[in-house]
């Protein structure tokens, strides 16, 4: 099947501290606030990818707790698996990919992130695993 669509798999960490705040990054490439994450590399597990991406973008080492959602960007063909995590070491540090790293309350997440990314943090505070689709900014009702 040569016409099978190609997808990219990404992972992201919703890192929640002891005060219930979420670790977020402001990306250098587009200035958007998002949870830390990126493309899963060949040969690494989902959890390894989450730990790598979070430390690369924030300087914080995490323990992965559980899968909280699967999200598809319909316009780009990106499937993101999002995991709730908690910090175990390190301090928030700007990196080559992140111009700012901050702890946000859920209210601040909703204020600063697009709906397609804010919902990932909200879902990490709920029970179960969410599945959602979006166009890169807005959620798509299914």
Protein backbone atom coordinates (compact mmCIF):
# COMPACT_ATOMS: atom_id res chain seq x y z
CA UNK A 1 0.00 0.00 0.00
CA UNK A 2 2.08 2.89 -1.28
CA UNK A 3 -0.61 5.49 -0.56
CA UNK A 4 -0.80 4.78 3.18
CA UNK A 5 -0.65 8.10 5.05
CA UNK A 6 2.50 8.81 7.05
CA UNK A 7 2.26 9.91 10.66
CA UNK A 8 4.78 11.21 13.15
CA UNK A 9 4.65 10.10 16.79
CA UNK A 10 5.44 12.63 19.50
CA UNK A 11 5.48 12.43 23.27
CA UNK A 12 4.94 15.14 25.87
CA UNK A 13 5.10 15.39 29.63
CA UNK A 14 2.59 17.16 31.81
CA UNK A 15 4.90 17.66 34.77
CA UNK A 16 2.95 18.46 37.94
CA UNK A 17 4.72 19.72 41.05
CA UNK A 18 3.63 19.30 44.68
CA UNK A 19 1.57 22.50 44.47
CA UNK A 20 -0.44 21.30 41.45
CA UNK A 21 1.35 23.56 38.97
CA UNK A 22 2.26 22.46 35.45
CA UNK A 23 5.73 22.87 33.91
CA UNK A 24 5.51 24.70 30.57
CA UNK A 25 7.92 26.04 27.98
CA UNK A 26 7.79 28.98 25.64
CA UNK A 27 9.24 27.67 22.39
CA UNK A 28 12.05 29.60 20.70
CA UNK A 29 10.85 28.78 17.18
CA UNK A 30 7.31 30.17 17.43
CA UNK A 31 6.94 31.77 20.89
CA UNK A 32 4.04 29.49 21.86
CA UNK A 33 3.58 28.13 25.38
CA UNK A 34 3.35 24.33 25.38
CA UNK A 35 4.09 21.30 27.54
CA UNK A 36 7.62 20.00 26.93
CA UNK A 37 7.77 17.29 24.29
CA UNK A 38 8.79 16.30 20.81
CA UNK A 39 9.25 13.54 18.27
CA UNK A 40 9.81 10.04 19.63
CA UNK A 41 13.13 8.65 18.42
CA UNK A 42 13.52 5.21 16.90
CA UNK A 43 14.62 2.67 19.46
CA UNK A 44 13.31 4.49 22.53
CA UNK A 45 10.25 3.65 24.59
CA UNK A 46 7.48 6.18 25.16
CA UNK A 47 8.65 6.77 28.73
CA UNK A 48 12.30 7.19 27.67
CA UNK A 49 11.20 9.73 25.07
CA UNK A 50 9.18 11.72 27.61
CA UNK A 51 12.07 11.82 30.09
CA UNK A 52 14.52 12.86 27.34
CA UNK A 53 12.30 15.58 25.91
CA UNK A 54 11.43 17.09 29.30
CA UNK A 55 15.04 17.30 30.48
CA UNK A 56 16.22 18.62 27.07
CA UNK A 57 13.65 21.41 27.08
CA UNK A 58 13.47 22.28 30.78
CA UNK A 59 16.45 20.93 32.74
CA UNK A 60 14.05 18.98 34.97
CA UNK A 61 14.38 15.21 35.39
CA UNK A 62 11.02 13.47 35.78
CA UNK A 63 9.40 10.21 36.70
CA UNK A 64 6.65 9.19 34.32
CA UNK A 65 3.42 8.25 36.11
CA UNK A 66 0.84 7.34 33.46
CA UNK A 67 -0.55 7.95 29.99
CA UNK A 68 -3.23 10.65 30.13
CA UNK A 69 -4.10 11.23 26.48
CA UNK A 70 -3.59 10.62 22.78
CA UNK A 71 -3.96 13.64 20.49
CA UNK A 72 -3.90 13.90 16.71
CA UNK A 73 -3.07 17.04 14.77
CA UNK A 74 -5.25 16.36 11.74
CA UNK A 75 -3.56 18.96 9.53
CA UNK A 76 0.03 17.75 10.16
CA UNK A 77 -0.45 14.02 10.79
CA UNK A 78 1.20 14.17 14.22
CA UNK A 79 0.02 11.80 16.94
CA UNK A 80 1.09 12.89 20.43
CA UNK A 81 1.03 10.61 23.45
CA UNK A 82 0.93 12.66 26.64
CA UNK A 83 2.02 11.41 30.05
CA UNK A 84 1.57 12.83 33.54
CA UNK A 85 4.93 13.11 35.32
CA UNK A 86 6.39 14.52 38.51
CA UNK A 87 9.74 16.24 38.94
CA UNK A 88 12.59 14.38 40.67
CA UNK A 89 15.59 16.70 40.16
CA UNK A 90 16.79 19.88 38.50
CA UNK A 91 15.72 23.48 38.18
CA UNK A 92 13.75 25.08 35.33
CA UNK A 93 16.36 26.19 32.79
CA UNK A 94 16.05 27.86 29.39
CA UNK A 95 17.51 25.76 26.57
CA UNK A 96 18.20 25.89 22.84
CA UNK A 97 14.54 24.95 22.29
CA UNK A 98 12.87 26.86 25.15
CA UNK A 99 13.24 30.60 25.64
CA UNK A 100 11.35 30.44 28.95
CA UNK A 101 10.45 27.65 31.37
CA UNK A 102 7.79 28.32 34.01
CA UNK A 103 5.40 26.66 36.45
CA UNK A 104 1.78 27.58 35.57
CA UNK A 105 -1.47 27.02 37.39
CA UNK A 106 -4.23 25.45 35.30
CA UNK A 107 -5.82 28.90 34.99
CA UNK A 108 -2.53 30.26 33.57
CA UNK A 109 -2.29 27.27 31.22
CA UNK A 110 -5.75 28.10 29.83
CA UNK A 111 -4.80 31.78 29.50
CA UNK A 112 -1.46 31.27 27.69
CA UNK A 113 -1.89 28.09 25.63
CA UNK A 114 -4.01 27.36 22.61
CA UNK A 115 -6.97 25.03 23.31
CA UNK A 116 -5.21 22.13 21.52
CA UNK A 117 -2.39 22.25 24.11
CA UNK A 118 -4.22 23.48 27.23
CA UNK A 119 -6.55 20.48 27.12
CA UNK A 120 -3.55 18.17 27.52
CA UNK A 121 -2.80 19.67 30.93
CA UNK A 122 -6.46 19.55 31.95
CA UNK A 123 -6.72 15.89 30.88
CA UNK A 124 -3.69 15.03 33.05
CA UNK A 125 -5.73 15.99 36.13
CA UNK A 126 -8.64 13.73 35.17
CA UNK A 127 -9.03 9.98 35.49
CA UNK A 128 -8.67 7.78 32.44
CA UNK A 129 -7.07 8.40 29.07
CA UNK A 130 -8.47 11.06 26.72
CA UNK A 131 -8.43 10.80 22.93
CA UNK A 132 -8.81 14.03 21.01
CA UNK A 133 -8.20 15.56 17.59
CA UNK A 134 -7.31 19.13 16.71
CA UNK A 135 -6.28 21.32 13.77
CA UNK A 136 -3.13 22.61 15.48
CA UNK A 137 -4.99 25.24 17.50
CA UNK A 138 -8.64 24.31 18.10
CA UNK A 139 -10.11 20.99 19.17
CA UNK A 140 -12.17 19.16 16.56
CA UNK A 141 -15.44 17.64 17.71
CA UNK A 142 -15.79 13.99 16.72
